[in-house]
């Protein structure tokens, strides 16, 4: 289980760093547009400030969800239930857990949807 704890901790650290970076980007976008009178909504040269804010906000939301999922995975490690499918209770393949440390379902159950 130490390997799983380490993998989850490392994945969480990456997600937290990504979230912090996205939050900083969001603040920069807001700050840059605060005193601007440009009509970016009708500028054919590029994406709008609103689009950039929405994109960064969505990516930050995804990072927050990933952190929550990794925290739940860490709790499953402590409870001794990590690595078991929450649907069929069979073990989740190590390769899947390596790729997706917060996985809660085995491949067979994911395919069933």
N, C-alpha and C. Protein backbone atom coordinates (compact mmCIF):
# COMPACT_ATOMS: atom_id res chain seq x y z
N UNK A 1 0.81 -1.20 0.00
CA UNK A 1 0.00 0.00 0.00
C UNK A 1 0.85 1.27 0.00
N UNK A 2 2.11 1.17 0.40
CA UNK A 2 2.98 2.35 0.39
C UNK A 2 3.15 2.89 -1.02
N UNK A 3 3.21 1.99 -2.01
CA UNK A 3 3.34 2.42 -3.40
C UNK A 3 2.10 3.23 -3.79
N UNK A 4 0.94 2.77 -3.37
CA UNK A 4 -0.30 3.47 -3.70
C UNK A 4 -0.35 4.84 -3.00
N UNK A 5 0.04 4.87 -1.74
CA UNK A 5 0.06 6.16 -1.01
C UNK A 5 0.97 7.15 -1.72
N UNK A 6 2.14 6.68 -2.10
CA UNK A 6 3.12 7.54 -2.77
C UNK A 6 2.56 8.04 -4.10
N UNK A 7 1.98 7.14 -4.86
CA UNK A 7 1.42 7.51 -6.16
C UNK A 7 0.31 8.54 -6.00
N UNK A 8 -0.56 8.33 -5.02
CA UNK A 8 -1.66 9.26 -4.78
C UNK A 8 -1.12 10.61 -4.32
N UNK A 9 -0.15 10.59 -3.42
CA UNK A 9 0.45 11.83 -2.91
C UNK A 9 1.11 12.62 -4.04
N UNK A 10 1.83 11.92 -4.91
CA UNK A 10 2.49 12.60 -6.03
C UNK A 10 1.47 13.17 -7.01
N UNK A 11 0.45 12.39 -7.32
CA UNK A 11 -0.59 12.88 -8.24
C UNK A 11 -1.31 14.08 -7.64
N UNK A 12 -1.54 14.06 -6.34
CA UNK A 12 -2.21 15.19 -5.67
C UNK A 12 -1.34 16.44 -5.73
N UNK A 13 -0.05 16.27 -5.51
CA UNK A 13 0.87 17.42 -5.56
C UNK A 13 0.86 18.05 -6.94
N UNK A 14 0.83 17.25 -7.98
CA UNK A 14 0.78 17.76 -9.35
C UNK A 14 -0.54 18.51 -9.58
N UNK A 15 -1.64 17.94 -9.11
CA UNK A 15 -2.95 18.58 -9.28
C UNK A 15 -3.03 19.89 -8.51
N UNK A 16 -2.48 19.93 -7.30
CA UNK A 16 -2.48 21.16 -6.50
C UNK A 16 -1.65 22.24 -7.20
N UNK A 17 -0.49 21.86 -7.73
CA UNK A 17 0.35 22.83 -8.44
C UNK A 17 -0.37 23.36 -9.68
N UNK A 18 -1.05 22.46 -10.39
CA UNK A 18 -1.81 22.88 -11.57
C UNK A 18 -2.93 23.85 -11.16
N UNK A 19 -3.63 23.53 -10.09
CA UNK A 19 -4.71 24.40 -9.62
C UNK A 19 -4.18 25.78 -9.23
N UNK A 20 -3.08 25.82 -8.51
CA UNK A 20 -2.49 27.11 -8.12
C UNK A 20 -2.11 27.93 -9.35
N UNK A 21 -1.53 27.27 -10.35
CA UNK A 21 -1.16 27.95 -11.58
C UNK A 21 -2.39 28.48 -12.31
N UNK A 22 -3.43 27.68 -12.38
CA UNK A 22 -4.65 28.11 -13.05
C UNK A 22 -5.31 29.27 -12.31
N UNK A 23 -5.30 29.22 -11.00
CA UNK A 23 -5.87 30.34 -10.23
C UNK A 23 -5.08 31.62 -10.49
N UNK A 24 -3.77 31.51 -10.57
CA UNK A 24 -2.94 32.68 -10.86
C UNK A 24 -3.24 33.20 -12.27
N UNK A 25 -3.39 32.30 -13.23
CA UNK A 25 -3.73 32.71 -14.59
C UNK A 25 -5.07 33.43 -14.63
N UNK A 26 -6.04 32.89 -13.88
CA UNK A 26 -7.36 33.50 -13.83
C UNK A 26 -7.27 34.93 -13.29
N UNK A 27 -6.53 35.08 -12.22
CA UNK A 27 -6.37 36.42 -11.62
C UNK A 27 -5.69 37.36 -12.59
N UNK A 28 -4.70 36.87 -13.35
CA UNK A 28 -4.02 37.71 -14.33
C UNK A 28 -4.98 38.14 -15.44
N UNK A 29 -5.83 37.24 -15.88
CA UNK A 29 -6.80 37.57 -16.93
C UNK A 29 -7.75 38.64 -16.42
N UNK A 30 -8.25 38.46 -15.21
CA UNK A 30 -9.17 39.43 -14.63
C UNK A 30 -8.48 40.78 -14.45
N UNK A 31 -7.28 40.75 -13.92
CA UNK A 31 -6.54 42.01 -13.69
C UNK A 31 -6.23 42.72 -15.00
N UNK A 32 -5.86 41.96 -16.03
CA UNK A 32 -5.51 42.56 -17.31
C UNK A 32 -6.72 43.19 -17.99
N UNK A 33 -7.89 42.65 -17.73
CA UNK A 33 -9.08 43.17 -18.39
C UNK A 33 -9.81 44.23 -17.56
N UNK A 34 -9.39 44.42 -16.34
CA UNK A 34 -10.10 45.31 -15.42
C UNK A 34 -10.20 46.75 -15.93
N UNK A 35 -9.11 47.25 -16.44
CA UNK A 35 -9.09 48.65 -16.86
C UNK A 35 -9.09 48.81 -18.38
N UNK A 36 -9.38 47.74 -19.06
CA UNK A 36 -9.39 47.76 -20.52
C UNK A 36 -10.76 48.18 -21.04
N UNK A 37 -10.74 48.97 -22.09
CA UNK A 37 -12.00 49.35 -22.74
C UNK A 37 -12.11 48.69 -24.10
N UNK A 38 -11.21 47.76 -24.39
CA UNK A 38 -11.25 47.06 -25.67
C UNK A 38 -12.54 46.28 -25.82
N UNK A 39 -13.01 46.22 -27.03
CA UNK A 39 -14.21 45.44 -27.33
C UNK A 39 -13.75 44.07 -27.79
N UNK A 40 -13.34 43.25 -26.84
CA UNK A 40 -12.79 41.95 -27.20
C UNK A 40 -13.85 40.98 -27.70
N UNK A 41 -15.10 41.25 -27.43
CA UNK A 41 -16.18 40.36 -27.86
C UNK A 41 -16.34 40.38 -29.38
N UNK A 42 -15.89 41.44 -30.02
CA UNK A 42 -16.04 41.56 -31.47
C UNK A 42 -14.69 41.62 -32.18
N UNK A 43 -13.65 41.21 -31.52
CA UNK A 43 -12.30 41.23 -32.09
C UNK A 43 -12.06 39.94 -32.86
N UNK A 44 -11.94 40.00 -34.17
CA UNK A 44 -11.75 38.79 -34.96
C UNK A 44 -10.33 38.21 -34.86
N UNK A 45 -9.44 38.91 -34.18
CA UNK A 45 -8.05 38.49 -34.11
C UNK A 45 -7.77 37.38 -33.09
N UNK A 46 -8.67 37.10 -32.20
CA UNK A 46 -8.35 36.08 -31.20
C UNK A 46 -9.52 35.77 -30.30
N UNK A 47 -9.21 34.98 -29.30
CA UNK A 47 -10.26 34.59 -28.36
C UNK A 47 -10.61 35.75 -27.44
N UNK A 48 -11.79 35.71 -26.90
CA UNK A 48 -12.24 36.79 -26.04
C UNK A 48 -11.75 36.56 -24.61
N UNK A 49 -11.75 37.65 -23.86
CA UNK A 49 -11.36 37.56 -22.45
C UNK A 49 -12.33 36.65 -21.71
N UNK A 50 -13.61 36.75 -22.03
CA UNK A 50 -14.61 35.90 -21.39
C UNK A 50 -14.33 34.43 -21.68
N UNK A 51 -13.94 34.13 -22.92
CA UNK A 51 -13.62 32.75 -23.29
C UNK A 51 -12.41 32.26 -22.51
N UNK A 52 -11.38 33.08 -22.42
CA UNK A 52 -10.17 32.70 -21.68
C UNK A 52 -10.49 32.47 -20.20
N UNK A 53 -11.29 33.35 -19.62
CA UNK A 53 -11.71 33.18 -18.22
C UNK A 53 -12.47 31.88 -18.04
N UNK A 54 -13.40 31.61 -18.94
CA UNK A 54 -14.21 30.39 -18.84
C UNK A 54 -13.35 29.14 -19.00
N UNK A 55 -12.41 29.19 -19.92
CA UNK A 55 -11.53 28.03 -20.14
C UNK A 55 -10.68 27.76 -18.91
N UNK A 56 -10.03 28.78 -18.39
CA UNK A 56 -9.18 28.62 -17.22
C UNK A 56 -10.02 28.22 -16.01
N UNK A 57 -11.19 28.80 -15.87
CA UNK A 57 -12.09 28.44 -14.77
C UNK A 57 -12.51 26.98 -14.84
N UNK A 58 -12.80 26.51 -16.02
CA UNK A 58 -13.19 25.11 -16.21
C UNK A 58 -12.03 24.16 -15.88
N UNK A 59 -10.84 24.51 -16.32
CA UNK A 59 -9.67 23.68 -16.01
C UNK A 59 -9.39 23.67 -14.51
N UNK A 60 -9.60 24.80 -13.83
CA UNK A 60 -9.41 24.86 -12.38
C UNK A 60 -10.45 23.98 -11.69
N UNK A 61 -11.67 24.01 -12.17
CA UNK A 61 -12.73 23.17 -11.61
C UNK A 61 -12.36 21.68 -11.75
N UNK A 62 -11.82 21.31 -12.91
CA UNK A 62 -11.38 19.93 -13.12
C UNK A 62 -10.27 19.54 -12.14
N UNK A 63 -9.33 20.46 -11.92
CA UNK A 63 -8.24 20.19 -10.98
C UNK A 63 -8.78 20.03 -9.56
N UNK A 64 -9.75 20.86 -9.18
CA UNK A 64 -10.37 20.73 -7.85
C UNK A 64 -11.05 19.37 -7.69
N UNK A 65 -11.74 18.92 -8.74
CA UNK A 65 -12.39 17.61 -8.70
C UNK A 65 -11.35 16.49 -8.58
N UNK A 66 -10.25 16.62 -9.31
CA UNK A 66 -9.20 15.61 -9.25
C UNK A 66 -8.62 15.53 -7.83
N UNK A 67 -8.42 16.67 -7.20
CA UNK A 67 -7.90 16.68 -5.83
C UNK A 67 -8.87 15.98 -4.88
N UNK A 68 -10.16 16.27 -5.04
CA UNK A 68 -11.16 15.60 -4.20
C UNK A 68 -11.13 14.08 -4.42
N UNK A 69 -11.02 13.67 -5.67
CA UNK A 69 -10.98 12.24 -5.98
C UNK A 69 -9.73 11.58 -5.39
N UNK A 70 -8.61 12.28 -5.46
CA UNK A 70 -7.37 11.74 -4.89
C UNK A 70 -7.45 11.69 -3.36
N UNK A 71 -8.09 12.68 -2.76
CA UNK A 71 -8.29 12.64 -1.30
C UNK A 71 -9.16 11.44 -0.91
N UNK A 72 -10.18 11.18 -1.71
CA UNK A 72 -11.04 10.01 -1.45
C UNK A 72 -10.25 8.72 -1.63
N UNK A 73 -9.36 8.70 -2.61
CA UNK A 73 -8.52 7.51 -2.82
C UNK A 73 -7.60 7.29 -1.62
N UNK A 74 -7.05 8.37 -1.09
CA UNK A 74 -6.19 8.26 0.10
C UNK A 74 -6.98 7.72 1.28
N UNK A 75 -8.23 8.15 1.40
CA UNK A 75 -9.09 7.62 2.48
C UNK A 75 -9.35 6.13 2.28
N UNK A 76 -9.52 5.70 1.02
CA UNK A 76 -9.72 4.27 0.76
C UNK A 76 -8.48 3.46 1.10
N UNK A 77 -7.30 4.05 0.87
CA UNK A 77 -6.06 3.36 1.26
C UNK A 77 -6.08 3.12 2.76
N UNK A 78 -6.39 4.16 3.52
CA UNK A 78 -6.41 4.05 4.99
C UNK A 78 -7.47 3.07 5.47
N UNK A 79 -8.59 3.01 4.76
CA UNK A 79 -9.68 2.11 5.15
C UNK A 79 -9.45 0.67 4.68
N UNK A 80 -8.44 0.50 3.82
CA UNK A 80 -8.16 -0.84 3.31
C UNK A 80 -9.03 -1.26 2.15
N UNK A 81 -9.72 -0.31 1.54
CA UNK A 81 -10.60 -0.64 0.42
C UNK A 81 -10.05 -0.17 -0.93
N UNK A 82 -8.89 0.44 -0.92
CA UNK A 82 -8.30 0.95 -2.15
C UNK A 82 -7.95 -0.21 -3.08
N UNK A 83 -8.20 0.00 -4.35
CA UNK A 83 -7.83 -1.02 -5.33
C UNK A 83 -8.90 -2.06 -5.58
N UNK A 84 -10.05 -1.88 -4.96
CA UNK A 84 -11.20 -2.78 -5.17
C UNK A 84 -12.28 -1.99 -5.91
N UNK A 85 -12.86 -2.59 -6.91
CA UNK A 85 -13.92 -1.97 -7.69
C UNK A 85 -15.13 -1.72 -6.80
N UNK A 86 -15.68 -0.52 -6.89
CA UNK A 86 -16.84 -0.20 -6.04
C UNK A 86 -18.13 -0.82 -6.58
N UNK A 87 -18.06 -1.45 -7.74
CA UNK A 87 -19.24 -2.09 -8.30
C UNK A 87 -19.21 -3.61 -8.09
N UNK A 88 -18.14 -4.26 -8.53
CA UNK A 88 -18.08 -5.72 -8.45
C UNK A 88 -17.21 -6.23 -7.31
N UNK A 89 -16.47 -5.34 -6.68
CA UNK A 89 -15.58 -5.64 -5.55
C UNK A 89 -14.35 -6.46 -5.94
N UNK A 90 -14.13 -6.66 -7.23
CA UNK A 90 -12.92 -7.35 -7.70
C UNK A 90 -11.76 -6.36 -7.69
N UNK A 91 -10.52 -6.87 -7.67
CA UNK A 91 -9.36 -5.96 -7.69
C UNK A 91 -9.30 -5.15 -8.99
N UNK A 92 -8.88 -3.91 -8.85
CA UNK A 92 -8.62 -3.06 -10.01
C UNK A 92 -7.18 -3.32 -10.43
N UNK A 93 -6.95 -3.49 -11.71
CA UNK A 93 -5.61 -3.81 -12.22
C UNK A 93 -4.60 -2.74 -11.81
N UNK A 94 -3.40 -3.20 -11.46
CA UNK A 94 -2.34 -2.27 -11.06
C UNK A 94 -2.04 -1.24 -12.14
N UNK A 95 -2.07 -1.67 -13.40
CA UNK A 95 -1.79 -0.74 -14.50
C UNK A 95 -2.83 0.39 -14.52
N UNK A 96 -4.07 0.05 -14.23
CA UNK A 96 -5.12 1.08 -14.20
C UNK A 96 -4.88 2.04 -13.04
N UNK A 97 -4.54 1.49 -11.87
CA UNK A 97 -4.28 2.34 -10.70
C UNK A 97 -3.04 3.20 -10.90
N UNK A 98 -2.09 2.67 -11.65
CA UNK A 98 -0.89 3.47 -11.93
C UNK A 98 -1.25 4.65 -12.83
N UNK A 99 -2.10 4.41 -13.82
CA UNK A 99 -2.50 5.47 -14.75
C UNK A 99 -3.51 6.43 -14.12
N UNK A 100 -4.42 5.88 -13.32
CA UNK A 100 -5.47 6.66 -12.68
C UNK A 100 -5.54 6.31 -11.20
N UNK A 101 -4.70 6.93 -10.38
CA UNK A 101 -4.64 6.55 -8.97
C UNK A 101 -5.96 6.69 -8.22
N UNK A 102 -6.88 7.49 -8.70
CA UNK A 102 -8.16 7.68 -8.02
C UNK A 102 -9.26 6.76 -8.58
N UNK A 103 -8.90 5.83 -9.46
CA UNK A 103 -9.90 4.95 -10.07
C UNK A 103 -10.69 4.20 -9.02
N UNK A 104 -12.00 4.12 -9.24
CA UNK A 104 -12.88 3.40 -8.31
C UNK A 104 -13.52 2.17 -8.96
N UNK A 105 -13.31 2.02 -10.28
CA UNK A 105 -13.90 0.87 -10.97
C UNK A 105 -12.88 0.17 -11.84
N UNK A 106 -13.05 -1.12 -11.94
CA UNK A 106 -12.21 -1.92 -12.82
C UNK A 106 -12.63 -1.65 -14.28
N UNK A 107 -11.79 -2.07 -15.20
CA UNK A 107 -12.07 -1.83 -16.63
C UNK A 107 -13.38 -2.49 -17.04
N UNK A 108 -13.62 -3.71 -16.59
CA UNK A 108 -14.86 -4.41 -16.98
C UNK A 108 -16.10 -3.63 -16.57
N UNK A 109 -16.10 -3.09 -15.36
CA UNK A 109 -17.27 -2.33 -14.88
C UNK A 109 -17.37 -0.97 -15.55
N UNK A 110 -16.26 -0.38 -15.89
CA UNK A 110 -16.28 0.90 -16.61
C UNK A 110 -16.93 0.69 -17.98
N UNK A 111 -16.62 -0.42 -18.61
CA UNK A 111 -17.18 -0.70 -19.94
C UNK A 111 -18.69 -0.93 -19.86
N UNK A 112 -19.19 -1.39 -18.73
CA UNK A 112 -20.63 -1.63 -18.57
C UNK A 112 -21.42 -0.35 -18.48
N UNK A 113 -20.84 0.63 -17.85
CA UNK A 113 -21.46 1.93 -17.57
C UNK A 113 -22.83 1.71 -17.09
